[in-house]
Every structure is written in C-alpha cells, then in structure tokens.
C-alpha cells in the first residue's frame, strides 16, 4: 500500500467519508453525460429523477462506470481486494429556481468542508434527502457497505450537495422514523429524529462534475433541495466486500438481484444472483 492509500484509508476510518476524489476524465465525463441525456429523452425527468435503478444490467456504459479502474482503486483501498457491486442508482435533483439569482452563480465554487445547514425545514415540499444511514435500508451483515456518489454535474450548496456528520458512523445504527417534512426522496420516507443528529457538526461536500465522494453505510448524511437553476445529477454505487451477506430482517427487507463481482474473487457465494466478471 502506498503512503497516499494509507492516508486515504486512515481518513476514511476516522471521519467515515472521503470527498472531491478526481475520477472521470473530461472525455469520460462528457460521454457519460451524453448517454444520460439519452435516458432523459427516452424516459422523462420525472422517471430519471430516482427510478433508474440497477441499470448497469442494461447499459454497457453504466457497467463500465461501476467497474471503472480508478473507482475500484479507491474502493479497494477501503474494502480490500474482493468486492461486489451491490446496487446502483442514478439520482437527479432537477432545478426549482427558488431563491436562485443566476443560473451560473457558484458553478465552480466547490470548496470542500463547508459548514452544513438545515435539511428541508426551510423549503417544505421541495425534493430533499432526509438525515439517514444507508445501512438502515440494507439487510446485510458481515461487512460494511460503501456508497459512492459519482458526480455527473457539479454538486454545490445551492443545488443540494451531500451533507455529512463526520464520525457519526461510530454511533452504530440509529433509530429512524417517518419523515415529518414533505418532499423526502427516500423511497421509505424515513429520517433520523432531529434530536439524534448533531447538525452543528454538519459538513457540505461539494463536488466538481467528474469527481467522486464515498461514505460508510453508517455515516449520517442527507441533502437539501436544489434551489438553483442547475441540475444536480450523480450515479450512486454501493459496494460490499465479498464476506458480507444478506440477513432476514423484517425491518430491512431487501432483495439483491443485481450483484456483480467487480474485483478479486468471491469465496463465500453469499449472493446467489451474482454475475461473474466477463473473461
């Protein structure tokens, strides 16, 4: 392991996330954006906002993203050499224009570690993602879940960038309840009660298009509505080490029908539908 990889591993362990990791070249980014635009034209924005789920099974260009060598290089630093793709989804917050003064304002302002703010309370009804932990929705044990956000667009404070509570992954799995505010994009409409979230420690993680963030499945995170004139689109990829396995948990029912071995070997065979890498 190189010194930089060791530093990356230590930082991820300490704070539960990494952000602003350079990933796609300009050419790769433009190709991905063009391919996604085709999906928008085919399905419409209402669908592409949240319903492009596990389409790595359908489109070669999406499978190439989940197997991208630079993505996997970072993921292997955190999870080790034997890795499964668990799940993937495109998430888009389309512009509302509310409180926006210019379509280009702040387009290149991607300074890291901006203090975060309120999630959704000040903008009721607009699409947002409530404070939550990914592991609340994944019936898994035996290993961590690592979530990647691969930015197809700039992800900024005013278009609803990721907010995290550093170190919150050490708190274990927190209670979740039905969200009190309309507009929550989480499919089960849940949130961590506000009194359990240290919102004063929240950090906004802006990204330039083509960069990547990644976070632990127990990290508390969320995002505010897009109040800008600019779309915020990203590709969410969930990875697990091959030692992880599904559990029968009625509070976390989940079927894993799209798993793919993306690195190393799978000695455990815990996921019956896993696709082996092509030779």
C-alpha atoms as a PDB file:
ATOM      1  CA  UNK A   1       0.000   0.000   0.000  1.00  0.00           C
ATOM      2  CA  UNK A   2       1.325   3.444  -0.930  1.00  0.00           C
ATOM      3  CA  UNK A   3       1.519   6.252   1.617  1.00  0.00           C
ATOM      4  CA  UNK A   4      -1.341   8.096  -0.102  1.00  0.00           C
ATOM      5  CA  UNK A   5      -3.535   4.991   0.018  1.00  0.00           C
ATOM      6  CA  UNK A   6      -2.708   4.529   3.698  1.00  0.00           C
ATOM      7  CA  UNK A   7      -3.628   8.155   4.386  1.00  0.00           C
ATOM      8  CA  UNK A   8      -6.867   7.744   2.469  1.00  0.00           C
ATOM      9  CA  UNK A   9      -7.719   4.620   4.429  1.00  0.00           C
ATOM     10  CA  UNK A  10      -6.964   6.309   7.767  1.00  0.00           C
ATOM     11  CA  UNK A  11      -9.034   9.395   6.919  1.00  0.00           C
ATOM     12  CA  UNK A  12     -11.991   7.286   5.805  1.00  0.00           C
ATOM     13  CA  UNK A  13     -11.814   5.267   9.023  1.00  0.00           C
ATOM     14  CA  UNK A  14     -11.674   8.424  11.130  1.00  0.00           C
ATOM     15  CA  UNK A  15     -14.405  10.528   9.536  1.00  0.00           C
ATOM     16  CA  UNK A  16     -16.474   7.948   7.635  1.00  0.00           C
ATOM     17  CA  UNK A  17     -16.199   9.576   4.218  1.00  0.00           C
ATOM     18  CA  UNK A  18     -13.897  10.916   1.525  1.00  0.00           C
ATOM     19  CA  UNK A  19     -14.796  13.666  -0.889  1.00  0.00           C
ATOM     20  CA  UNK A  20     -13.621  15.507  -4.017  1.00  0.00           C
ATOM     21  CA  UNK A  21     -11.701  12.486  -5.310  1.00  0.00           C
ATOM     22  CA  UNK A  22     -10.783  13.080  -9.000  1.00  0.00           C
ATOM     23  CA  UNK A  23     -12.246  10.313 -11.123  1.00  0.00           C
ATOM     24  CA  UNK A  24     -13.511  10.807 -14.692  1.00  0.00           C
ATOM     25  CA  UNK A  25     -11.506  12.450 -17.447  1.00  0.00           C
ATOM     26  CA  UNK A  26     -13.189  15.245 -19.403  1.00  0.00           C
ATOM     27  CA  UNK A  27     -13.824  12.834 -22.267  1.00  0.00           C
ATOM     28  CA  UNK A  28     -15.304  10.160 -19.972  1.00  0.00           C
ATOM     29  CA  UNK A  29     -17.490  12.728 -18.253  1.00  0.00           C
ATOM     30  CA  UNK A  30     -18.880  14.127 -21.488  1.00  0.00           C
ATOM     31  CA  UNK A  31     -19.619  10.619 -22.762  1.00  0.00           C
ATOM     32  CA  UNK A  32     -21.490   9.728 -19.554  1.00  0.00           C
ATOM     33  CA  UNK A  33     -23.460  12.983 -19.609  1.00  0.00           C
ATOM     34  CA  UNK A  34     -24.427  12.447 -23.247  1.00  0.00           C
ATOM     35  CA  UNK A  35     -25.550   8.876 -22.545  1.00  0.00           C
ATOM     36  CA  UNK A  36     -27.596  10.039 -19.556  1.00  0.00           C
ATOM     37  CA  UNK A  37     -29.210  12.748 -21.688  1.00  0.00           C
ATOM     38  CA  UNK A  38     -30.438   9.968 -23.983  1.00  0.00           C
ATOM     39  CA  UNK A  39     -32.114   8.311 -20.994  1.00  0.00           C
ATOM     40  CA  UNK A  40     -33.735  11.631 -20.046  1.00  0.00           C
ATOM     41  CA  UNK A  41     -35.129  11.959 -23.554  1.00  0.00           C
ATOM     42  CA  UNK A  42     -36.373   8.365 -23.543  1.00  0.00           C
ATOM     43  CA  UNK A  43     -37.926   8.232 -20.067  1.00  0.00           C
ATOM     44  CA  UNK A  44     -38.521  11.840 -18.997  1.00  0.00           C
ATOM     45  CA  UNK A  45     -37.195  13.715 -15.993  1.00  0.00           C
ATOM     46  CA  UNK A  46     -39.862  12.524 -13.579  1.00  0.00           C
ATOM     47  CA  UNK A  47     -38.570   8.985 -14.114  1.00  0.00           C
ATOM     48  CA  UNK A  48     -34.854   9.734 -14.299  1.00  0.00           C
ATOM     49  CA  UNK A  49     -35.011  11.684 -11.033  1.00  0.00           C
ATOM     50  CA  UNK A  50     -34.890   8.458  -8.982  1.00  0.00           C
ATOM     51  CA  UNK A  51     -36.125   5.431 -10.938  1.00  0.00           C
ATOM     52  CA  UNK A  52     -33.035   4.453 -12.963  1.00  0.00           C
ATOM     53  CA  UNK A  53     -32.225   1.612 -10.566  1.00  0.00           C
ATOM     54  CA  UNK A  54     -29.649  -1.100 -11.317  1.00  0.00           C
ATOM     55  CA  UNK A  55     -29.481  -0.156 -14.978  1.00  0.00           C
ATOM     56  CA  UNK A  56     -25.887  -1.401 -15.024  1.00  0.00           C
ATOM     57  CA  UNK A  57     -27.634  -4.641 -16.047  1.00  0.00           C
ATOM     58  CA  UNK A  58     -28.963  -2.980 -19.211  1.00  0.00           C
ATOM     59  CA  UNK A  59     -26.372  -0.488 -20.439  1.00  0.00           C
ATOM     60  CA  UNK A  60     -22.718  -1.229 -21.112  1.00  0.00           C
ATOM     61  CA  UNK A  61     -21.680   2.377 -20.410  1.00  0.00           C
ATOM     62  CA  UNK A  62     -23.199   2.156 -16.905  1.00  0.00           C
ATOM     63  CA  UNK A  63     -21.458  -1.172 -16.238  1.00  0.00           C
ATOM     64  CA  UNK A  64     -18.215   0.483 -17.308  1.00  0.00           C
ATOM     65  CA  UNK A  65     -18.730   3.134 -14.622  1.00  0.00           C
ATOM     66  CA  UNK A  66     -19.250   0.612 -11.807  1.00  0.00           C
ATOM     67  CA  UNK A  67     -16.097  -1.215 -12.972  1.00  0.00           C
ATOM     68  CA  UNK A  68     -14.070   1.916 -13.664  1.00  0.00           C
ATOM     69  CA  UNK A  69     -10.442   1.197 -12.693  1.00  0.00           C
ATOM     70  CA  UNK A  70      -9.986   4.462 -10.798  1.00  0.00           C
ATOM     71  CA  UNK A  71     -13.240   3.974  -8.886  1.00  0.00           C
ATOM     72  CA  UNK A  72     -12.245   0.448  -7.913  1.00  0.00           C
ATOM     73  CA  UNK A  73      -8.736   1.522  -6.961  1.00  0.00           C
ATOM     74  CA  UNK A  74     -10.155   3.775  -4.254  1.00  0.00           C
ATOM     75  CA  UNK A  75     -12.838   1.291  -3.184  1.00  0.00           C
ATOM     76  CA  UNK A  76     -10.250  -1.491  -2.830  1.00  0.00           C
ATOM     77  CA  UNK A  77      -8.195   0.778  -0.583  1.00  0.00           C
ATOM     78  CA  UNK A  78     -11.147   0.856   1.815  1.00  0.00           C
ATOM     79  CA  UNK A  79     -12.769  -2.577   1.432  1.00  0.00           C
ATOM     80  CA  UNK A  80      -9.912  -4.802   0.314  1.00  0.00           C
ATOM     81  CA  UNK A  81      -9.381  -6.699  -2.958  1.00  0.00           C
ATOM     82  CA  UNK A  82     -12.556  -8.838  -3.130  1.00  0.00           C
ATOM     83  CA  UNK A  83     -15.543  -6.632  -3.890  1.00  0.00           C
ATOM     84  CA  UNK A  84     -19.143  -6.991  -5.007  1.00  0.00           C
ATOM     85  CA  UNK A  85     -21.255  -4.332  -6.629  1.00  0.00           C
ATOM     86  CA  UNK A  86     -24.415  -4.482  -4.552  1.00  0.00           C
ATOM     87  CA  UNK A  87     -26.687  -1.915  -6.151  1.00  0.00           C
ATOM     88  CA  UNK A  88     -26.680   1.208  -8.317  1.00  0.00           C
ATOM     89  CA  UNK A  89     -28.987   4.141  -8.940  1.00  0.00           C
ATOM     90  CA  UNK A  90     -28.945   7.499 -10.724  1.00  0.00           C
ATOM     91  CA  UNK A  91     -30.269  10.343  -8.578  1.00  0.00           C
ATOM     92  CA  UNK A  92     -31.111  13.735 -10.056  1.00  0.00           C
ATOM     93  CA  UNK A  93     -32.344  16.848  -8.336  1.00  0.00           C
ATOM     94  CA  UNK A  94     -33.738  18.990 -11.098  1.00  0.00           C
ATOM     95  CA  UNK A  95     -33.680  22.782 -10.683  1.00  0.00           C
ATOM     96  CA  UNK A  96     -36.556  24.546  -8.986  1.00  0.00           C
ATOM     97  CA  UNK A  97     -35.142  28.028  -9.425  1.00  0.00           C
ATOM     98  CA  UNK A  98     -36.355  29.023  -5.965  1.00  0.00           C
ATOM     99  CA  UNK A  99     -34.050  31.624  -4.377  1.00  0.00           C
ATOM    100  CA  UNK A 100     -31.841  31.447  -7.466  1.00  0.00           C
ATOM    101  CA  UNK A 101     -30.349  34.711  -8.745  1.00  0.00           C
ATOM    102  CA  UNK A 102     -28.324  33.334 -11.658  1.00  0.00           C
ATOM    103  CA  UNK A 103     -28.164  30.027 -13.495  1.00  0.00           C
ATOM    104  CA  UNK A 104     -24.373  30.085 -13.342  1.00  0.00           C
ATOM    105  CA  UNK A 105     -23.823  31.516  -9.878  1.00  0.00           C
ATOM    106  CA  UNK A 106     -21.364  29.423  -7.903  1.00  0.00           C
ATOM    107  CA  UNK A 107     -20.949  26.931 -10.731  1.00  0.00           C
ATOM    108  CA  UNK A 108     -17.266  26.445  -9.971  1.00  0.00           C
ATOM    109  CA  UNK A 109     -17.346  27.009  -6.208  1.00  0.00           C
ATOM    110  CA  UNK A 110     -16.557  23.513  -4.974  1.00  0.00           C
ATOM    111  CA  UNK A 111     -14.514  24.311  -1.894  1.00  0.00           C
ATOM    112  CA  UNK A 112     -14.555  21.327   0.480  1.00  0.00           C
ATOM    113  CA  UNK A 113     -15.743  21.272   4.072  1.00  0.00           C
ATOM    114  CA  UNK A 114     -18.394  23.998   4.070  1.00  0.00           C
ATOM    115  CA  UNK A 115     -20.487  24.142   7.213  1.00  0.00           C
ATOM    116  CA  UNK A 116     -23.838  22.497   6.614  1.00  0.00           C
ATOM    117  CA  UNK A 117     -27.325  23.679   7.432  1.00  0.00           C
ATOM    118  CA  UNK A 118     -30.909  22.637   7.864  1.00  0.00           C
ATOM    119  CA  UNK A 119     -32.183  19.663   5.887  1.00  0.00           C
ATOM    120  CA  UNK A 120     -35.527  20.584   4.242  1.00  0.00           C
ATOM    121  CA  UNK A 121     -37.207  22.500   7.063  1.00  0.00           C
ATOM    122  CA  UNK A 122     -36.880  25.905   5.429  1.00  0.00           C
ATOM    123  CA  UNK A 123     -38.117  24.748   1.998  1.00  0.00           C
ATOM    124  CA  UNK A 124     -41.128  22.472   2.573  1.00  0.00           C
ATOM    125  CA  UNK A 125     -42.278  20.324  -0.336  1.00  0.00           C
ATOM    126  CA  UNK A 126     -39.143  20.583  -2.463  1.00  0.00           C
ATOM    127  CA  UNK A 127     -37.278  17.296  -3.085  1.00  0.00           C
ATOM    128  CA  UNK A 128     -34.612  16.644  -0.463  1.00  0.00           C
ATOM    129  CA  UNK A 129     -32.961  13.658   1.251  1.00  0.00           C
ATOM    130  CA  UNK A 130     -33.572  13.433   4.997  1.00  0.00           C
ATOM    131  CA  UNK A 131     -30.848  12.660   7.538  1.00  0.00           C
ATOM    132  CA  UNK A 132     -30.374   8.889   7.396  1.00  0.00           C
ATOM    133  CA  UNK A 133     -27.923   5.985   7.367  1.00  0.00           C
ATOM    134  CA  UNK A 134     -27.744   3.713   4.330  1.00  0.00           C
ATOM    135  CA  UNK A 135     -27.466   0.595   6.482  1.00  0.00           C
ATOM    136  CA  UNK A 136     -30.994   1.215   7.748  1.00  0.00           C
ATOM    137  CA  UNK A 137     -32.222   0.075   4.346  1.00  0.00           C
ATOM    138  CA  UNK A 138     -29.822  -2.783   3.641  1.00  0.00           C
ATOM    139  CA  UNK A 139     -30.433  -6.181   5.239  1.00  0.00           C
ATOM    140  CA  UNK A 140     -26.747  -7.036   5.437  1.00  0.00           C
ATOM    141  CA  UNK A 141     -24.205  -8.237   7.954  1.00  0.00           C
ATOM    142  CA  UNK A 142     -20.636  -9.495   7.936  1.00  0.00           C
ATOM    143  CA  UNK A 143     -19.093  -6.447   6.301  1.00  0.00           C
ATOM    144  CA  UNK A 144     -19.530  -2.715   5.617  1.00  0.00           C
ATOM    145  CA  UNK A 145     -21.419  -1.040   2.802  1.00  0.00           C
ATOM    146  CA  UNK A 146     -19.548   1.680   0.934  1.00  0.00           C
ATOM    147  CA  UNK A 147     -21.597   4.187  -1.081  1.00  0.00           C
ATOM    148  CA  UNK A 148     -20.112   6.169  -3.972  1.00  0.00           C
ATOM    149  CA  UNK A 149     -21.521   9.368  -5.464  1.00  0.00           C
ATOM    150  CA  UNK A 150     -20.025   9.854  -8.916  1.00  0.00           C
ATOM    151  CA  UNK A 151     -20.890  13.392  -9.954  1.00  0.00           C
ATOM    152  CA  UNK A 152     -22.194  13.920 -13.494  1.00  0.00           C
ATOM    153  CA  UNK A 153     -22.911  17.555 -12.587  1.00  0.00           C
ATOM    154  CA  UNK A 154     -21.299  19.979 -10.192  1.00  0.00           C
ATOM    155  CA  UNK A 155     -22.717  19.318  -6.738  1.00  0.00           C
ATOM    156  CA  UNK A 156     -22.898  22.564  -4.784  1.00  0.00           C
ATOM    157  CA  UNK A 157     -24.510  24.039  -1.707  1.00  0.00           C
ATOM    158  CA  UNK A 158     -27.296  25.714  -3.671  1.00  0.00           C
ATOM    159  CA  UNK A 159     -28.194  22.658  -5.765  1.00  0.00           C
ATOM    160  CA  UNK A 160     -28.390  20.240  -2.857  1.00  0.00           C
ATOM    161  CA  UNK A 161     -24.914  18.813  -2.315  1.00  0.00           C
ATOM    162  CA  UNK A 162     -24.288  15.965   0.101  1.00  0.00           C
ATOM    163  CA  UNK A 163     -24.101  16.880   3.785  1.00  0.00           C
ATOM    164  CA  UNK A 164     -22.441  14.571   6.308  1.00  0.00           C
ATOM    165  CA  UNK A 165     -21.892  14.361  10.062  1.00  0.00           C
ATOM    166  CA  UNK A 166     -18.188  13.409  10.330  1.00  0.00           C
ATOM    167  CA  UNK A 167     -17.506  10.494  12.660  1.00  0.00           C
ATOM    168  CA  UNK A 168     -21.187   9.592  13.029  1.00  0.00           C
ATOM    169  CA  UNK A 169     -20.508   6.094  11.658  1.00  0.00           C
ATOM    170  CA  UNK A 170     -19.171   5.234  15.125  1.00  0.00           C
ATOM    171  CA  UNK A 171     -22.636   5.779  16.644  1.00  0.00           C
ATOM    172  CA  UNK A 172     -23.994   2.471  15.345  1.00  0.00           C
ATOM    173  CA  UNK A 173     -27.397   2.119  13.691  1.00  0.00           C
ATOM    174  CA  UNK A 174     -29.670   4.923  14.913  1.00  0.00           C
ATOM    175  CA  UNK A 175     -33.482   4.867  15.132  1.00  0.00           C
ATOM    176  CA  UNK A 176     -35.354   6.091  12.066  1.00  0.00           C
ATOM    177  CA  UNK A 177     -38.960   7.307  11.901  1.00  0.00           C
ATOM    178  CA  UNK A 178     -41.417   8.513   9.279  1.00  0.00           C
ATOM    179  CA  UNK A 179     -40.257  11.875   7.967  1.00  0.00           C
ATOM    180  CA  UNK A 180     -42.057  14.909   9.364  1.00  0.00           C
ATOM    181  CA  UNK A 181     -41.462  17.040   6.261  1.00  0.00           C
ATOM    182  CA  UNK A 182     -42.897  16.544   2.738  1.00  0.00           C
ATOM    183  CA  UNK A 183     -40.583  16.036  -0.239  1.00  0.00           C
ATOM    184  CA  UNK A 184     -38.271  13.352   1.166  1.00  0.00           C
ATOM    185  CA  UNK A 185     -36.766  11.451  -1.792  1.00  0.00           C
ATOM    186  CA  UNK A 186     -36.012   8.328   0.271  1.00  0.00           C
ATOM    187  CA  UNK A 187     -38.332   5.629  -1.009  1.00  0.00           C
ATOM    188  CA  UNK A 188     -39.398   4.605   2.508  1.00  0.00           C
ATOM    189  CA  UNK A 189     -39.801   8.246   3.640  1.00  0.00           C
ATOM    190  CA  UNK A 190     -37.822   7.862   6.835  1.00  0.00           C
ATOM    191  CA  UNK A 191     -35.451  10.095   8.770  1.00  0.00           C
ATOM    192  CA  UNK A 192     -33.321  10.040  11.884  1.00  0.00           C
ATOM    193  CA  UNK A 193     -35.031  12.119  14.601  1.00  0.00           C
ATOM    194  CA  UNK A 194     -33.512  15.583  14.646  1.00  0.00           C
ATOM    195  CA  UNK A 195     -32.567  15.343  18.302  1.00  0.00           C
ATOM    196  CA  UNK A 196     -30.213  12.454  17.439  1.00  0.00           C
ATOM    197  CA  UNK A 197     -28.390  14.341  14.668  1.00  0.00           C
ATOM    198  CA  UNK A 198     -25.508  16.626  15.593  1.00  0.00           C
ATOM    199  CA  UNK A 199     -26.443  19.158  12.947  1.00  0.00           C
ATOM    200  CA  UNK A 200     -23.973  21.701  14.312  1.00  0.00           C
ATOM    201  CA  UNK A 201     -21.225  19.392  13.027  1.00  0.00           C
ATOM    202  CA  UNK A 202     -22.691  19.036   9.522  1.00  0.00           C
ATOM    203  CA  UNK A 203     -20.297  19.498   6.603  1.00  0.00           C
ATOM    204  CA  UNK A 204     -21.289  20.113   2.983  1.00  0.00           C
ATOM    205  CA  UNK A 205     -19.249  18.110   0.466  1.00  0.00           C
ATOM    206  CA  UNK A 206     -19.248  19.986  -2.858  1.00  0.00           C
ATOM    207  CA  UNK A 207     -18.008  18.176  -5.945  1.00  0.00           C
ATOM    208  CA  UNK A 208     -16.999  19.149  -9.426  1.00  0.00           C
ATOM    209  CA  UNK A 209     -18.501  17.065 -12.199  1.00  0.00           C
ATOM    210  CA  UNK A 210     -16.294  14.009 -12.661  1.00  0.00           C
ATOM    211  CA  UNK A 211     -15.281  13.862  -9.005  1.00  0.00           C
ATOM    212  CA  UNK A 212     -16.409  11.238  -6.508  1.00  0.00           C
ATOM    213  CA  UNK A 213     -17.331  11.079  -2.846  1.00  0.00           C
ATOM    214  CA  UNK A 214     -17.686   7.888  -0.832  1.00  0.00           C
ATOM    215  CA  UNK A 215     -19.060   7.181   2.605  1.00  0.00           C
ATOM    216  CA  UNK A 216     -19.621   4.406   5.116  1.00  0.00           C
ATOM    217  CA  UNK A 217     -23.061   2.811   5.375  1.00  0.00           C
ATOM    218  CA  UNK A 218     -23.435   4.009   8.976  1.00  0.00           C
ATOM    219  CA  UNK A 219     -22.490   7.637   8.289  1.00  0.00           C
ATOM    220  CA  UNK A 220     -25.363  10.059   8.963  1.00  0.00           C
ATOM    221  CA  UNK A 221     -25.955  12.117   5.841  1.00  0.00           C
ATOM    222  CA  UNK A 222     -28.603  13.906   3.794  1.00  0.00           C
ATOM    223  CA  UNK A 223     -29.055  16.787   1.363  1.00  0.00           C
ATOM    224  CA  UNK A 224     -31.171  19.905   0.976  1.00  0.00           C
ATOM    225  CA  UNK A 225     -33.344  20.788  -2.040  1.00  0.00           C
ATOM    226  CA  UNK A 226     -31.935  22.135  -5.265  1.00  0.00           C
ATOM    227  CA  UNK A 227     -32.789  25.848  -5.181  1.00  0.00           C
ATOM    228  CA  UNK A 228     -30.574  26.733  -8.133  1.00  0.00           C
ATOM    229  CA  UNK A 229     -31.142  26.844 -11.875  1.00  0.00           C
ATOM    230  CA  UNK A 230     -28.728  23.932 -12.381  1.00  0.00           C
ATOM    231  CA  UNK A 231     -29.368  20.192 -12.333  1.00  0.00           C
ATOM    232  CA  UNK A 232     -27.536  18.036  -9.770  1.00  0.00           C
ATOM    233  CA  UNK A 233     -27.150  14.501 -11.098  1.00  0.00           C
ATOM    234  CA  UNK A 234     -24.995  11.718  -9.763  1.00  0.00           C
ATOM    235  CA  UNK A 235     -24.530   7.982 -10.003  1.00  0.00           C
ATOM    236  CA  UNK A 236     -24.786   6.171  -6.666  1.00  0.00           C
ATOM    237  CA  UNK A 237     -22.918   2.866  -6.468  1.00  0.00           C
ATOM    238  CA  UNK A 238     -22.962   0.548  -3.434  1.00  0.00           C
ATOM    239  CA  UNK A 239     -20.067  -1.827  -2.884  1.00  0.00           C
ATOM    240  CA  UNK A 240     -19.503  -4.517  -0.247  1.00  0.00           C
ATOM    241  CA  UNK A 241     -16.651  -6.925   0.487  1.00  0.00           C
ATOM    242  CA  UNK A 242     -17.469 -10.473  -0.580  1.00  0.00           C
ATOM    243  CA  UNK A 243     -17.608 -11.545   3.094  1.00  0.00           C
ATOM    244  CA  UNK A 244     -20.829  -9.539   3.574  1.00  0.00           C
ATOM    245  CA  UNK A 245     -24.077 -11.493   3.479  1.00  0.00           C
ATOM    246  CA  UNK A 246     -27.830 -10.785   3.391  1.00  0.00           C
ATOM    247  CA  UNK A 247     -29.893 -11.285   6.540  1.00  0.00           C
ATOM    248  CA  UNK A 248     -33.590 -11.852   7.040  1.00  0.00           C
ATOM    249  CA  UNK A 249     -34.587  -8.678   8.850  1.00  0.00           C
ATOM    250  CA  UNK A 250     -38.278  -7.669   8.595  1.00  0.00           C
ATOM    251  CA  UNK A 251     -37.292  -4.075   9.338  1.00  0.00           C
ATOM    252  CA  UNK A 252     -34.807  -4.074   6.459  1.00  0.00           C
ATOM    253  CA  UNK A 253     -36.334  -6.251   3.732  1.00  0.00           C
ATOM    254  CA  UNK A 254     -34.166  -6.230   0.652  1.00  0.00           C
ATOM    255  CA  UNK A 255     -33.576  -8.366  -2.418  1.00  0.00           C
ATOM    256  CA  UNK A 256     -30.210  -8.279  -4.121  1.00  0.00           C
ATOM    257  CA  UNK A 257     -30.821  -9.243  -7.725  1.00  0.00           C
ATOM    258  CA  UNK A 258     -28.149  -7.173  -9.426  1.00  0.00           C
ATOM    259  CA  UNK A 259     -24.886  -8.055  -7.658  1.00  0.00           C
ATOM    260  CA  UNK A 260     -21.714  -8.244  -9.722  1.00  0.00           C
ATOM    261  CA  UNK A 261     -18.231  -9.384  -8.748  1.00  0.00           C
ATOM    262  CA  UNK A 262     -16.149  -6.365  -9.760  1.00  0.00           C
ATOM    263  CA  UNK A 263     -12.798  -7.173  -8.127  1.00  0.00           C
ATOM    264  CA  UNK A 264     -10.942 -10.231  -6.868  1.00  0.00           C
ATOM    265  CA  UNK A 265     -12.730 -13.496  -6.146  1.00  0.00           C
ATOM    266  CA  UNK A 266     -15.865 -14.479  -4.274  1.00  0.00           C
ATOM    267  CA  UNK A 267     -15.040 -17.363  -1.950  1.00  0.00           C
ATOM    268  CA  UNK A 268     -18.255 -17.022   0.006  1.00  0.00           C
ATOM    269  CA  UNK A 269     -21.034 -17.055  -2.628  1.00  0.00           C
ATOM    270  CA  UNK A 270     -23.478 -15.325  -0.276  1.00  0.00           C
ATOM    271  CA  UNK A 271     -25.429 -13.724  -3.131  1.00  0.00           C
ATOM    272  CA  UNK A 272     -26.927 -16.328  -5.427  1.00  0.00           C
ATOM    273  CA  UNK A 273     -27.553 -13.950  -8.326  1.00  0.00           C
ATOM    274  CA  UNK A 274     -24.042 -12.543  -8.534  1.00  0.00           C
ATOM    275  CA  UNK A 275     -22.741 -12.082 -12.057  1.00  0.00           C
ATOM    276  CA  UNK A 276     -19.147 -13.233 -12.550  1.00  0.00           C
ATOM    277  CA  UNK A 277     -16.762 -10.904 -14.390  1.00  0.00           C
ATOM    278  CA  UNK A 278     -16.515 -11.475 -18.118  1.00  0.00           C
ATOM    279  CA  UNK A 279     -13.284 -13.003 -19.338  1.00  0.00           C
END
